[in-house]
Amino acid sequence: MMDVPNLLVTDDDKAFRKVVCEGLQRRGFRVIEACDGREALDLIEHSRVHVAVVDVHMPYVTGLDVIRHLHERPSSLPCVLMSAELNDEIRQEAARMCAYDVLSKPLKLSQLTAVVSHALNDYYGWQPPKAG
């Protein structure tokens, strides 16, 4: 059982990525960040990541490409896809690749935290520590 889950946040918008990472860290998660899909895939191969939070539209390797690659691996991890430009095609492709959830930007940190917590519980039986 993990004490503190490791999250990967991938977005080519540095300011947005920093805000999300800091918010998740304040909520008790360990967070590593990637600026694009290529860096995300490298970090996943060389780091212990429990949940990947990935933007759709990025240079080099898109968020859908990241999820597609992870879907083909023998050991899966939950992936949360996010985008400011969601459409039915993206949602359908994300469903085919078994994305855990798809969130529309701008997103609320409370919404992202809830989705990440549910993914951690569903995949690993993780529960957040009790306050107090």
Protein backbone atom coordinates (compact mmCIF):
# COMPACT_ATOMS: atom_id res chain seq x y z
CA MET A 1 0.00 0.00 0.00
CA MET A 2 1.39 3.41 -0.92
CA ASP A 3 1.69 6.22 1.58
CA VAL A 4 1.82 9.13 -0.84
CA PRO A 5 0.80 8.58 -4.46
CA ASN A 6 2.98 9.85 -7.29
CA LEU A 7 1.14 11.89 -9.90
CA LEU A 8 2.43 12.97 -13.29
CA VAL A 9 1.03 16.23 -14.66
CA THR A 10 1.75 16.85 -18.35
CA ASP A 11 0.86 20.10 -20.08
CA ASP A 12 2.78 22.34 -22.46
CA ASP A 13 1.28 25.43 -20.78
CA LYS A 14 3.89 26.01 -18.07
CA ALA A 15 1.79 28.43 -15.98
CA PHE A 16 -1.21 26.07 -15.95
CA ARG A 17 1.02 23.07 -15.17
CA LYS A 18 2.63 24.88 -12.21
CA VAL A 19 -0.74 25.87 -10.73
CA VAL A 20 -2.06 22.30 -11.02
CA CYS A 21 1.13 20.78 -9.59
CA GLU A 22 1.23 23.17 -6.63
CA GLY A 23 -2.45 22.60 -5.92
CA LEU A 24 -2.06 18.81 -5.94
CA GLN A 25 1.05 19.03 -3.75
CA ARG A 26 -0.87 21.13 -1.21
CA ARG A 27 -3.42 18.31 -1.14
CA GLY A 28 -0.70 15.85 -0.13
CA PHE A 29 0.32 14.23 -3.42
CA ARG A 30 3.84 13.85 -4.78
CA VAL A 31 3.87 15.44 -8.22
CA ILE A 32 6.28 15.26 -11.10
CA GLU A 33 5.71 17.30 -14.22
CA ALA A 34 6.33 17.00 -17.92
CA CYS A 35 6.13 19.72 -20.56
CA ASP A 36 5.04 17.40 -23.39
CA GLY A 37 4.02 13.83 -24.16
CA ARG A 38 7.54 12.72 -25.06
CA GLU A 39 8.83 13.80 -21.65
CA ALA A 40 5.81 12.19 -19.98
CA LEU A 41 6.50 8.81 -21.59
CA ASP A 42 10.15 9.00 -20.54
CA LEU A 43 9.21 9.83 -16.94
CA ILE A 44 6.67 7.00 -16.83
CA GLU A 45 9.34 4.54 -18.00
CA HIS A 46 11.85 5.69 -15.37
CA SER A 47 9.71 6.75 -12.40
CA ARG A 48 6.95 5.24 -10.30
CA VAL A 49 3.77 6.99 -11.44
CA HIS A 50 0.37 6.05 -10.01
CA VAL A 51 -1.83 8.43 -12.04
CA ALA A 52 -1.04 10.42 -15.19
CA VAL A 53 -2.88 13.69 -15.82
CA VAL A 54 -2.31 14.62 -19.45
CA ASP A 55 -3.32 17.50 -21.72
CA VAL A 56 -4.61 16.54 -25.18
CA HIS A 57 -3.00 19.19 -27.35
CA MET A 58 0.80 19.20 -27.02
CA PRO A 59 3.73 19.28 -29.43
CA TYR A 60 5.64 16.12 -30.42
CA VAL A 61 3.42 13.54 -28.66
CA THR A 62 -0.23 14.34 -27.90
CA GLY A 63 -2.10 13.35 -24.77
CA LEU A 64 -4.05 10.76 -26.78
CA ASP A 65 -0.75 9.30 -27.99
CA VAL A 66 0.46 9.04 -24.38
CA ILE A 67 -2.71 7.22 -23.36
CA ARG A 68 -2.50 4.97 -26.43
CA HIS A 69 1.07 4.02 -25.52
CA LEU A 70 0.15 3.33 -21.88
CA HIS A 71 -2.88 1.30 -22.94
CA GLU A 72 -0.57 -1.04 -24.87
CA ARG A 73 1.65 -1.73 -21.83
CA PRO A 74 1.16 -4.85 -19.73
CA SER A 75 0.81 -2.86 -16.51
CA SER A 76 -1.71 -0.08 -16.80
CA LEU A 77 -2.08 3.09 -14.81
CA PRO A 78 -5.04 5.42 -14.72
CA CYS A 79 -4.83 8.37 -17.09
CA VAL A 80 -6.90 11.52 -16.81
CA LEU A 81 -7.11 13.47 -20.03
CA MET A 82 -7.79 17.21 -20.02
CA SER A 83 -8.39 19.73 -22.76
CA ALA A 84 -9.75 23.19 -23.43
CA GLU A 85 -10.99 21.94 -26.82
CA LEU A 86 -12.89 18.73 -26.17
CA ASN A 87 -15.10 17.23 -28.84
CA ASP A 88 -16.86 13.92 -29.40
CA GLU A 89 -13.95 12.52 -31.40
CA ILE A 90 -11.49 13.14 -28.55
CA ARG A 91 -13.91 11.69 -26.00
CA GLN A 92 -14.50 8.58 -28.14
CA GLU A 93 -10.78 8.02 -28.70
CA ALA A 94 -10.11 8.50 -24.97
CA ALA A 95 -12.80 5.90 -24.20
CA ARG A 96 -11.26 3.45 -26.71
CA MET A 97 -7.89 3.90 -24.99
CA CYS A 98 -9.51 3.37 -21.57
CA ALA A 99 -8.76 6.84 -20.21
CA TYR A 100 -9.94 6.97 -16.62
CA ASP A 101 -11.70 10.30 -17.16
CA VAL A 102 -11.77 13.28 -19.51
CA LEU A 103 -11.94 16.76 -18.01
CA SER A 104 -12.67 20.05 -19.71
CA LYS A 105 -10.43 23.05 -19.08
CA PRO A 106 -10.64 25.30 -17.28
CA LEU A 107 -10.98 22.78 -14.50
CA LYS A 108 -11.48 23.13 -10.80
CA LEU A 109 -8.71 21.74 -8.62
CA SER A 110 -11.34 20.14 -6.37
CA GLN A 111 -12.73 18.30 -9.42
CA LEU A 112 -9.28 17.07 -10.45
CA THR A 113 -8.45 16.02 -6.89
CA ALA A 114 -11.68 14.01 -6.67
CA VAL A 115 -11.03 12.25 -9.99
CA VAL A 116 -7.42 11.45 -9.03
CA SER A 117 -8.52 10.16 -5.61
CA HIS A 118 -11.18 7.91 -7.20
CA ALA A 119 -8.63 6.58 -9.71
CA LEU A 120 -6.18 5.80 -6.89
CA ASN A 121 -8.91 4.00 -4.97
CA ASP A 122 -10.17 2.05 -8.01
CA TYR A 123 -6.71 0.94 -9.17
CA TYR A 124 -4.80 0.57 -5.90
CA GLY A 125 -7.33 0.64 -3.03
CA TRP A 126 -5.74 3.88 -1.84
CA GLN A 127 -7.57 6.04 0.66
CA PRO A 128 -6.49 9.56 1.61
CA PRO A 129 -5.18 9.82 5.17
CA LYS A 130 -7.78 10.76 7.73
CA ALA A 131 -7.45 14.33 8.98
CA GLY A 132 -6.91 14.84 12.66
